[in-house]
Amino acid sequence: MNITKTQNDDLTAVIKIQLSKEDYASNVENVLKDYQRKVVIDGFRKGKTPMGIVKKMYGKAVLVEEINKLLGDALNNYIKENDLYILGEPLPSETEQKEVNLEDENLEFAYDIALSPEVNVKLSKREKVSYYVIKVDDEMIDKQIEGMCKNSGEMVAVEEVEGTEYLKGEIIELDADGKAKENGVRNTEASFSLMYVKDEDAAVAFKGAKKGQEVKFNAVKAFPNKTDFSNMLGVTKEVVENVNPEFCFIINEIKRYVDAEVNQELFDKVYGKDTVKSVEEFRAKVKEDIENQLKGHSEYRFTIDAREKLLKKNEDVVLPEVFLKRWILAVNKGMKAEEIEKDFEGYRDEFKWQVVKTAIIREFGLKIEQEDLKIVAREVAAAQLQQYGLYGLTDEQLDGFAVKLLEDEKQRQHLYERAVDNKVFATVKENVKLEEEEIAMADFEKLFQK
């Protein structure tokens, strides 16, 4: 095997790989022998098919596959061993690739590659980047506590309907005279929430009703969703189609969802027993939680501003755009050249950012360790759990969720990329001057409208 690189210009080159039969013949032979042992062909016992027949059936496909494997490994190793920083992936050369005849003793393959341009990633404290600290006010704290109270509430039995209660009882189909219909629908264990009653007249009929009371209402209008209605009645959808609209509901139980009160029971439920012992401590802890949540917003805005500054610093850097357009077209099946031309400005910024990010990784010797992945996984797990009202979990408590995220291959790749971004922007933050500015949430949101 012989590999050479010819430079076209500063940003593009051609890699040629010359293969002789000795480079791949033994691999092809071994694969065909394995086929011979496993293949089952009419007229021959398993493992006894003549090699000539195996080669005739599978020889060309195996040859192509083994050559492709060899070329892929050769390209990757050459790029790595020669410290070539490329954009996209190698593509078959448009100008240097000659027609390949697999019958020839020697084969030549040519690939176009795009090289990363030199960029400026030197950082100093003379460079300033804004860092916005979002102010946590009493309204934000109150809103968070209100959400906690709702999430920690419970169903309690009450005597009278106000309008959004959950009812259990017996529902009976009525006839035209308002009496129980003979052989009509009757369910002694019916239940529903008044929140989902769609008919205003029905809602009014139940308002003020007490336990043991009978309420007559138009159930067909109240429950227009046939699936919900049939489930509540305990019958099939077909039966529902033929019921009389008027029903009677005998209330056996009324339950109302009541928000939790701001007391020690809530403190213990949210933060653990005796972690918080007063309303003042509780509000302080909630404020701390919100500040931690908002740090993510501040960090995200910082990444936008830092990226913008680094791209501005390298605005004169030229990319191998002809190659990149060709590569985008090659890896996005179904995309048209006109679409790429139209959106290329966005592609250009993304390619340039990847070049800058890779250069920062090299310049500062950044590496992603297992602990970096665990930190990111904990952050993701914590954010997901907070959606269910679970706050203030320790790293040890989050580790179980983090491990599960890392076991998923797609999630792990996503977490790896996030860990890389975290390290890159942490490095930028350490090496520039942060201009901290306290800002109200409303003003912070306006930053994204510019």
Protein backbone atom coordinates (compact mmCIF):
# COMPACT_ATOMS: atom_id res chain seq x y z
CA MET A 1 0.00 0.00 0.00
CA ASN A 2 1.23 3.47 -0.83
CA ILE A 3 -0.41 6.72 0.36
CA THR A 4 0.45 10.21 -0.89
CA LYS A 5 -1.01 13.68 -0.36
CA THR A 6 -0.97 16.41 -2.98
CA GLN A 7 -1.83 19.93 -1.88
CA ASN A 8 -4.16 21.81 -4.23
CA ASP A 9 -4.09 25.02 -2.19
CA ASP A 10 -3.95 26.02 1.48
CA LEU A 11 -7.32 24.45 2.24
CA THR A 12 -7.77 21.47 -0.08
CA ALA A 13 -5.69 18.44 -0.97
CA VAL A 14 -5.95 15.04 -2.64
CA ILE A 15 -5.00 11.82 -0.87
CA LYS A 16 -4.17 8.92 -3.18
CA ILE A 17 -4.11 5.34 -1.96
CA GLN A 18 -2.49 2.68 -4.15
CA LEU A 19 -3.37 -0.91 -3.34
CA SER A 20 -1.77 -4.07 -4.60
CA LYS A 21 -3.49 -7.43 -4.58
CA GLU A 22 -1.36 -8.51 -1.60
CA ASP A 23 -2.97 -5.78 0.52
CA TYR A 24 -6.42 -7.32 0.44
CA ALA A 25 -6.22 -10.82 -1.09
CA SER A 26 -5.75 -12.72 2.18
CA ASN A 27 -8.68 -10.90 3.84
CA VAL A 28 -10.94 -11.70 0.88
CA GLU A 29 -9.84 -15.34 0.95
CA ASN A 30 -10.51 -15.65 4.69
CA VAL A 31 -14.00 -14.18 4.36
CA LEU A 32 -14.85 -16.50 1.46
CA LYS A 33 -13.61 -19.51 3.45
CA ASP A 34 -15.92 -18.45 6.29
CA TYR A 35 -18.80 -18.20 3.78
CA GLN A 36 -17.91 -21.68 2.51
CA ARG A 37 -18.22 -23.10 6.04
CA LYS A 38 -21.59 -21.46 6.69
CA VAL A 39 -23.40 -21.24 3.35
CA VAL A 40 -26.12 -23.75 2.49
CA ILE A 41 -26.64 -24.35 -1.26
CA ASP A 42 -28.95 -26.91 -2.85
CA GLY A 43 -27.06 -30.03 -3.86
CA PHE A 44 -24.26 -29.64 -1.31
CA ARG A 45 -23.93 -30.40 2.37
CA LYS A 46 -23.23 -27.47 4.68
CA GLY A 47 -19.50 -26.63 4.51
CA LYS A 48 -18.95 -28.73 1.35
CA THR A 49 -19.82 -26.17 -1.34
CA PRO A 50 -16.89 -25.89 -3.81
CA MET A 51 -14.92 -22.66 -3.44
CA GLY A 52 -15.45 -21.90 -7.15
CA ILE A 53 -19.21 -21.66 -6.62
CA VAL A 54 -18.77 -19.55 -3.44
CA LYS A 55 -16.49 -17.14 -5.32
CA LYS A 56 -18.92 -16.89 -8.21
CA MET A 57 -21.80 -16.07 -5.85
CA TYR A 58 -20.10 -13.83 -3.30
CA GLY A 59 -16.62 -13.04 -4.58
CA LYS A 60 -17.22 -9.57 -6.05
CA ALA A 61 -19.33 -8.33 -3.12
CA VAL A 62 -16.72 -9.56 -0.61
CA LEU A 63 -13.91 -7.98 -2.62
CA VAL A 64 -15.65 -4.58 -2.69
CA GLU A 65 -16.45 -4.75 1.02
CA GLU A 66 -12.90 -5.66 2.05
CA ILE A 67 -11.37 -2.98 -0.19
CA ASN A 68 -13.72 -0.38 1.32
CA LYS A 69 -12.78 -1.44 4.85
CA LEU A 70 -9.09 -1.23 3.96
CA LEU A 71 -9.50 2.21 2.38
CA GLY A 72 -11.48 3.53 5.36
CA ASP A 73 -8.87 2.37 7.87
CA ALA A 74 -6.02 3.66 5.70
CA LEU A 75 -7.59 7.11 5.33
CA ASN A 76 -8.37 7.46 9.04
CA ASN A 77 -4.92 6.31 10.11
CA TYR A 78 -3.16 8.58 7.59
CA ILE A 79 -5.16 11.63 8.72
CA LYS A 80 -4.48 10.84 12.39
CA GLU A 81 -0.79 10.01 11.99
CA ASN A 82 -0.13 13.16 9.96
CA ASP A 83 -2.09 15.47 12.29
CA LEU A 84 -4.41 16.63 9.54
CA TYR A 85 -7.37 18.64 10.80
CA ILE A 86 -10.07 18.22 8.21
CA LEU A 87 -13.54 19.61 7.67
CA GLY A 88 -16.34 17.20 6.85
CA GLU A 89 -15.11 13.85 5.55
CA PRO A 90 -13.01 12.73 2.57
CA LEU A 91 -14.94 12.49 -0.70
CA PRO A 92 -14.04 10.55 -3.86
CA SER A 93 -11.99 12.98 -5.95
CA GLU A 94 -13.86 14.70 -8.74
CA THR A 95 -10.68 15.27 -10.79
CA GLU A 96 -8.15 12.60 -9.78
CA GLN A 97 -10.18 9.42 -9.42
CA LYS A 98 -9.69 7.14 -12.41
CA GLU A 99 -11.99 4.34 -13.41
CA VAL A 100 -11.36 1.29 -11.23
CA ASN A 101 -11.19 -2.21 -12.71
CA LEU A 102 -11.31 -4.77 -9.88
CA GLU A 103 -9.58 -7.30 -12.16
CA ASP A 104 -6.37 -5.22 -12.16
CA GLU A 105 -3.46 -6.23 -9.94
CA ASN A 106 -2.96 -2.66 -8.70
CA LEU A 107 -5.74 -0.26 -7.79
CA GLU A 108 -5.66 3.49 -7.15
CA PHE A 109 -8.20 5.55 -5.22
CA ALA A 110 -8.17 9.34 -4.87
CA TYR A 111 -9.99 11.41 -2.22
CA ASP A 112 -10.56 15.13 -1.91
CA ILE A 113 -10.14 16.54 1.59
CA ALA A 114 -10.73 19.99 3.08
CA LEU A 115 -8.26 21.26 5.66
CA SER A 116 -9.12 23.45 8.62
CA PRO A 117 -7.82 27.00 8.26
CA GLU A 118 -5.68 28.63 10.93
CA VAL A 119 -7.77 30.60 13.44
CA ASN A 120 -6.96 32.94 16.31
CA VAL A 121 -7.97 31.49 19.66
CA LYS A 122 -5.52 33.40 21.85
CA LEU A 123 -7.38 34.70 24.88
CA SER A 124 -6.50 37.40 27.39
CA LYS A 125 -8.04 39.37 30.23
CA ARG A 126 -8.02 42.41 27.95
CA GLU A 127 -10.91 40.84 26.09
CA LYS A 128 -14.32 41.48 27.64
CA VAL A 129 -17.43 39.32 27.44
CA SER A 130 -20.77 40.19 29.08
CA TYR A 131 -22.11 37.89 31.79
CA TYR A 132 -25.69 38.54 32.88
CA VAL A 133 -26.83 37.63 36.41
CA ILE A 134 -30.62 37.43 36.53
CA LYS A 135 -32.13 39.08 39.60
CA VAL A 136 -34.49 36.87 41.64
CA ASP A 137 -37.37 38.95 42.99
CA ASP A 138 -40.21 38.19 45.41
CA GLU A 139 -42.66 37.57 42.58
CA MET A 140 -40.46 34.79 41.18
CA ILE A 141 -40.13 33.24 44.65
CA ASP A 142 -43.89 33.41 45.22
CA LYS A 143 -44.59 31.78 41.87
CA GLN A 144 -42.14 28.96 42.58
CA ILE A 145 -43.68 28.32 46.01
CA GLU A 146 -47.15 28.35 44.46
CA GLY A 147 -46.02 25.62 42.05
CA MET A 148 -44.56 23.59 44.92
CA CYS A 149 -47.82 23.87 46.84
CA LYS A 150 -49.79 22.67 43.83
CA ASN A 151 -47.41 19.75 43.19
CA SER A 152 -47.53 18.72 46.83
CA GLY A 153 -51.32 19.03 47.28
CA GLU A 154 -53.75 16.17 47.88
CA MET A 155 -57.37 15.10 47.34
CA VAL A 156 -59.55 15.69 50.40
CA ALA A 157 -63.19 14.77 51.01
CA VAL A 158 -65.61 17.73 51.08
CA GLU A 159 -69.35 18.06 51.56
CA GLU A 160 -70.32 20.40 48.74
CA VAL A 161 -69.44 20.89 45.07
CA GLU A 162 -67.87 24.22 44.13
CA GLY A 163 -67.01 23.45 40.52
CA THR A 164 -63.76 21.51 39.98
CA GLU A 165 -64.20 18.52 42.28
CA TYR A 166 -63.81 14.82 41.59
CA LEU A 167 -67.06 12.89 42.01
CA LYS A 168 -67.81 9.21 42.59
CA GLY A 169 -71.25 7.70 42.61
CA GLU A 170 -73.96 6.00 40.58
CA ILE A 171 -74.99 7.17 37.11
CA ILE A 172 -78.39 6.14 35.69
CA GLU A 173 -79.82 6.60 32.21
CA LEU A 174 -83.26 8.29 32.27
CA ASP A 175 -86.26 7.87 30.00
CA ALA A 176 -88.36 10.61 28.39
CA ASP A 177 -90.28 11.09 31.65
CA GLY A 178 -87.13 11.66 33.68
CA LYS A 179 -87.31 8.28 35.40
CA ALA A 180 -84.77 5.46 35.43
CA LYS A 181 -84.95 3.84 32.00
CA GLU A 182 -85.90 0.17 32.01
CA ASN A 183 -82.84 -1.87 31.00
CA GLY A 184 -80.99 1.42 30.58
CA VAL A 185 -77.33 2.08 31.34
CA ARG A 186 -76.47 2.08 35.03
CA ASN A 187 -73.01 2.20 36.59
CA THR A 188 -72.75 2.10 40.39
CA GLU A 189 -69.03 2.91 40.36
CA ALA A 190 -68.95 5.90 38.02
CA SER A 191 -66.44 8.70 38.57
CA PHE A 192 -65.35 11.87 36.78
CA SER A 193 -63.82 15.28 37.37
CA LEU A 194 -66.00 18.34 36.93
CA MET A 195 -63.00 20.05 35.37
CA TYR A 196 -63.64 18.00 32.22
CA VAL A 197 -67.41 18.62 31.96
CA LYS A 198 -67.85 20.47 28.65
CA ASP A 199 -71.46 21.61 29.01
CA GLU A 200 -72.07 24.79 31.04
CA ASP A 201 -75.63 23.79 32.01
CA ALA A 202 -74.33 20.49 33.43
CA ALA A 203 -71.62 22.30 35.38
CA VAL A 204 -74.25 24.65 36.86
CA ALA A 205 -76.48 21.68 37.77
CA PHE A 206 -73.73 20.16 39.91
CA LYS A 207 -72.67 23.39 41.61
CA GLY A 208 -73.72 23.44 45.27
CA ALA A 209 -74.72 19.74 45.22
CA LYS A 210 -73.95 17.71 48.35
CA LYS A 211 -73.10 14.11 49.11
CA GLY A 212 -76.17 11.85 48.62
CA GLN A 213 -77.88 14.29 46.28
CA GLU A 214 -79.21 13.36 42.84
CA VAL A 215 -78.25 15.60 39.90
CA LYS A 216 -79.98 15.36 36.52
CA PHE A 217 -78.02 16.57 33.51
CA ASN A 218 -77.43 16.05 29.78
CA ALA A 219 -74.50 13.62 29.87
CA VAL A 220 -74.05 13.52 26.08
CA LYS A 221 -73.36 17.26 26.02
CA ALA A 222 -71.29 17.07 29.20
CA PHE A 223 -68.99 14.35 27.79
CA PRO A 224 -68.69 14.83 23.99
CA ASN A 225 -65.63 12.58 23.85
CA LYS A 226 -67.12 9.14 23.18
CA THR A 227 -64.16 7.25 24.63
CA ASP A 228 -64.26 9.13 27.95
CA PHE A 229 -68.04 8.87 28.08
CA SER A 230 -68.10 5.11 27.46
CA ASN A 231 -65.38 4.57 30.09
CA MET A 232 -67.32 6.58 32.64
CA LEU A 233 -70.50 4.65 31.92
CA GLY A 234 -68.67 1.32 31.85
CA VAL A 235 -70.05 0.37 28.42
CA THR A 236 -68.81 0.13 24.84
CA LYS A 237 -68.77 3.02 22.36
CA GLU A 238 -71.49 1.26 20.39
CA VAL A 239 -73.82 1.37 23.40
CA VAL A 240 -73.01 5.05 23.94
CA GLU A 241 -74.23 5.86 20.43
CA ASN A 242 -77.77 4.83 21.39
CA VAL A 243 -78.21 6.14 24.94
CA ASN A 244 -80.70 8.84 25.89
CA PRO A 245 -78.88 12.11 26.64
CA GLU A 246 -80.47 12.66 30.04
CA PHE A 247 -78.87 10.96 33.07
CA CYS A 248 -79.07 11.11 36.82
CA PHE A 249 -75.95 11.05 39.00
CA ILE A 250 -76.25 10.09 42.69
CA ILE A 251 -73.24 11.57 44.50
CA ASN A 252 -71.55 9.19 46.92
CA GLU A 253 -68.23 10.98 47.32
CA ILE A 254 -66.89 14.49 46.64
CA LYS A 255 -63.16 15.13 46.63
CA ARG A 256 -61.34 18.37 46.01
CA TYR A 257 -57.65 18.86 45.20
CA VAL A 258 -56.25 21.16 47.86
CA ASP A 259 -52.84 22.80 47.51
CA ALA A 260 -50.36 22.10 50.27
CA GLU A 261 -49.92 24.78 52.92
CA VAL A 262 -46.60 26.53 53.46
CA ASN A 263 -45.65 24.75 56.68
CA GLN A 264 -43.15 22.27 58.08
CA GLU A 265 -44.81 19.37 56.29
CA LEU A 266 -44.17 21.07 52.93
CA PHE A 267 -40.60 22.01 53.93
CA ASP A 268 -39.83 18.39 54.79
CA LYS A 269 -41.49 17.03 51.66
CA VAL A 270 -39.55 19.33 49.32
CA TYR A 271 -36.14 19.48 51.01
CA GLY A 272 -36.00 16.59 53.45
CA LYS A 273 -36.80 16.36 57.14
CA ASP A 274 -35.71 19.37 59.20
CA THR A 275 -33.49 20.80 56.44
CA VAL A 276 -35.66 23.94 56.53
CA LYS A 277 -37.41 25.04 59.74
CA SER A 278 -39.07 28.38 58.99
CA VAL A 279 -40.82 30.31 56.25
CA GLU A 280 -37.83 32.63 56.01
CA GLU A 281 -35.43 29.70 55.56
CA PHE A 282 -37.83 28.15 53.05
CA ARG A 283 -37.98 31.32 50.94
CA ALA A 284 -34.19 31.63 51.11
CA LYS A 285 -33.82 28.03 49.94
CA VAL A 286 -36.32 28.56 47.11
CA LYS A 287 -34.43 31.69 46.07
CA GLU A 288 -31.20 29.69 46.02
CA ASP A 289 -32.86 27.04 43.83
CA ILE A 290 -34.12 29.66 41.39
CA GLU A 291 -30.68 31.28 41.25
CA ASN A 292 -29.16 27.89 40.44
CA GLN A 293 -31.77 27.32 37.75
CA LEU A 294 -31.14 30.75 36.27
CA LYS A 295 -27.41 30.14 36.16
CA GLY A 296 -28.16 27.91 33.21
CA HIS A 297 -29.83 30.87 31.46
CA SER A 298 -26.83 33.08 32.26
CA GLU A 299 -24.40 30.45 31.04
CA TYR A 300 -26.38 29.95 27.83
CA ARG A 301 -26.35 33.69 27.12
CA PHE A 302 -22.61 33.73 27.82
CA THR A 303 -22.05 30.96 25.26
CA ILE A 304 -23.89 33.04 22.65
CA ASP A 305 -21.87 36.18 23.39
CA ALA A 306 -18.53 34.32 23.67
CA ARG A 307 -19.14 32.45 20.42
CA GLU A 308 -20.09 35.68 18.68
CA LYS A 309 -16.91 37.37 19.92
CA LEU A 310 -14.67 34.51 18.76
CA LEU A 311 -16.36 34.37 15.36
CA LYS A 312 -15.98 38.14 15.02
CA LYS A 313 -12.32 37.73 15.90
CA ASN A 314 -11.99 35.31 12.98
CA GLU A 315 -14.38 36.95 10.53
CA ASP A 316 -11.68 37.17 7.85
CA VAL A 317 -10.91 33.44 8.00
CA VAL A 318 -11.68 31.76 4.65
CA LEU A 319 -13.24 28.29 4.42
CA PRO A 320 -13.04 25.79 1.53
CA GLU A 321 -16.65 26.58 0.61
CA VAL A 322 -16.80 24.67 -2.70
CA PHE A 323 -15.80 21.44 -0.96
CA LEU A 324 -18.11 22.05 1.99
CA LYS A 325 -21.14 22.60 -0.24
CA ARG A 326 -20.31 19.39 -2.04
CA TRP A 327 -19.92 17.52 1.27
CA ILE A 328 -23.25 18.82 2.66
CA LEU A 329 -24.93 17.65 -0.53
CA ALA A 330 -23.29 14.22 -0.25
CA VAL A 331 -24.35 13.54 3.35
CA ASN A 332 -27.88 14.93 3.10
CA LYS A 333 -29.78 12.68 0.74
CA GLY A 334 -32.59 14.47 -1.00
CA MET A 335 -31.19 17.95 -0.41
CA LYS A 336 -30.75 20.13 -3.48
CA ALA A 337 -27.79 22.38 -4.31
CA GLU A 338 -30.11 25.42 -4.42
CA GLU A 339 -31.15 24.80 -0.80
CA ILE A 340 -27.52 24.68 0.31
CA GLU A 341 -26.74 27.92 -1.49
CA LYS A 342 -29.72 29.61 0.14
CA ASP A 343 -28.78 28.52 3.69
CA PHE A 344 -25.01 28.49 3.37
CA GLU A 345 -24.43 31.52 5.56
CA GLY A 346 -25.69 29.53 8.54
CA TYR A 347 -23.62 26.52 7.51
CA ARG A 348 -20.56 28.75 7.18
CA ASP A 349 -20.87 30.08 10.73
CA GLU A 350 -21.34 26.56 12.09
CA PHE A 351 -18.28 25.22 10.23
CA LYS A 352 -16.22 28.19 11.37
CA TRP A 353 -17.34 27.67 14.97
CA GLN A 354 -16.33 23.99 14.79
CA VAL A 355 -12.89 25.09 13.57
CA VAL A 356 -12.58 27.60 16.41
CA LYS A 357 -13.80 25.10 19.01
CA THR A 358 -11.37 22.41 17.82
CA ALA A 359 -8.53 24.94 17.90
CA ILE A 360 -9.38 25.86 21.52
CA ILE A 361 -9.34 22.18 22.47
CA ARG A 362 -5.86 21.81 20.92
CA GLU A 363 -4.53 25.13 22.23
CA PHE A 364 -5.49 24.40 25.85
CA GLY A 365 -5.11 20.61 25.78
CA LEU A 366 -8.71 19.96 26.81
CA LYS A 367 -9.82 16.38 27.44
CA ILE A 368 -13.16 14.87 28.38
CA GLU A 369 -12.97 12.50 31.35
CA GLN A 370 -15.64 10.16 32.72
CA GLU A 371 -16.34 12.56 35.58
CA ASP A 372 -17.11 15.33 33.06
CA LEU A 373 -19.77 13.10 31.52
CA LYS A 374 -21.22 12.30 34.96
CA ILE A 375 -21.46 16.01 35.82
CA VAL A 376 -23.39 16.74 32.63
CA ALA A 377 -25.61 13.67 33.14
CA ARG A 378 -26.45 14.87 36.67
CA GLU A 379 -27.38 18.30 35.31
CA VAL A 380 -29.71 16.77 32.72
CA ALA A 381 -31.23 14.41 35.30
CA ALA A 382 -31.78 17.25 37.79
CA ALA A 383 -33.52 19.39 35.15
CA GLN A 384 -35.80 16.50 34.19
CA LEU A 385 -36.70 15.72 37.81
CA GLN A 386 -37.45 19.36 38.62
CA GLN A 387 -40.26 19.18 36.07
CA TYR A 388 -41.91 16.73 38.49
CA GLY A 389 -41.38 18.97 41.50
CA LEU A 390 -38.22 17.23 42.78
CA TYR A 391 -35.67 19.83 43.92
CA GLY A 392 -32.48 19.90 45.94
CA LEU A 393 -31.32 16.33 45.18
CA THR A 394 -27.71 15.52 46.08
CA ASP A 395 -25.11 14.26 43.60
CA GLU A 396 -25.40 10.83 45.20
CA GLN A 397 -29.16 10.81 44.63
CA LEU A 398 -28.74 11.94 41.04
CA ASP A 399 -26.01 9.41 40.22
CA GLY A 400 -28.50 6.60 39.64
CA PHE A 401 -30.35 8.64 37.03
CA ALA A 402 -27.06 9.81 35.50
CA VAL A 403 -25.80 6.24 35.06
CA LYS A 404 -28.96 5.30 33.15
CA LEU A 405 -28.55 8.27 30.82
CA LEU A 406 -24.93 7.32 30.11
CA GLU A 407 -25.89 3.72 29.32
CA ASP A 408 -27.93 4.92 26.33
CA GLU A 409 -25.60 5.27 23.33
CA LYS A 410 -27.43 8.23 21.76
CA GLN A 411 -27.74 10.00 25.10
CA ARG A 412 -24.06 9.39 25.81
CA GLN A 413 -23.02 11.00 22.52
CA HIS A 414 -25.26 13.98 23.26
CA LEU A 415 -23.80 14.26 26.76
CA TYR A 416 -20.25 14.01 25.38
CA GLU A 417 -20.86 16.89 22.98
CA ARG A 418 -22.36 18.93 25.81
CA ALA A 419 -19.36 18.17 28.01
CA VAL A 420 -17.04 19.37 25.24
CA ASP A 421 -18.97 22.63 24.94
CA ASN A 422 -18.89 23.05 28.73
CA LYS A 423 -15.11 22.67 28.81
CA VAL A 424 -14.57 25.00 25.86
CA PHE A 425 -16.72 27.78 27.30
CA ALA A 426 -15.30 27.25 30.81
CA THR A 427 -11.85 27.79 29.30
CA VAL A 428 -12.99 30.94 27.53
CA LYS A 429 -14.54 32.20 30.77
CA GLU A 430 -11.30 31.61 32.70
CA ASN A 431 -9.18 33.45 30.16
CA VAL A 432 -11.23 36.58 29.40
CA LYS A 433 -12.61 39.35 31.58
CA LEU A 434 -16.25 38.84 32.51
CA GLU A 435 -18.33 41.98 32.71
CA GLU A 436 -21.02 40.94 35.18
CA GLU A 437 -24.32 42.79 35.01
CA GLU A 438 -27.38 42.17 37.17
CA ILE A 439 -30.50 42.17 35.02
CA ALA A 440 -34.24 41.67 35.46
CA MET A 441 -35.74 38.62 33.78
CA ALA A 442 -37.87 40.78 31.45
CA ASP A 443 -34.80 42.66 30.23
CA PHE A 444 -32.82 39.44 29.94
CA GLU A 445 -35.50 37.98 27.65
CA LYS A 446 -35.27 41.09 25.44
CA LEU A 447 -31.65 40.21 24.70
CA PHE A 448 -32.88 37.30 22.58
CA GLN A 449 -35.17 39.52 20.55
CA LYS A 450 -32.29 41.50 19.07
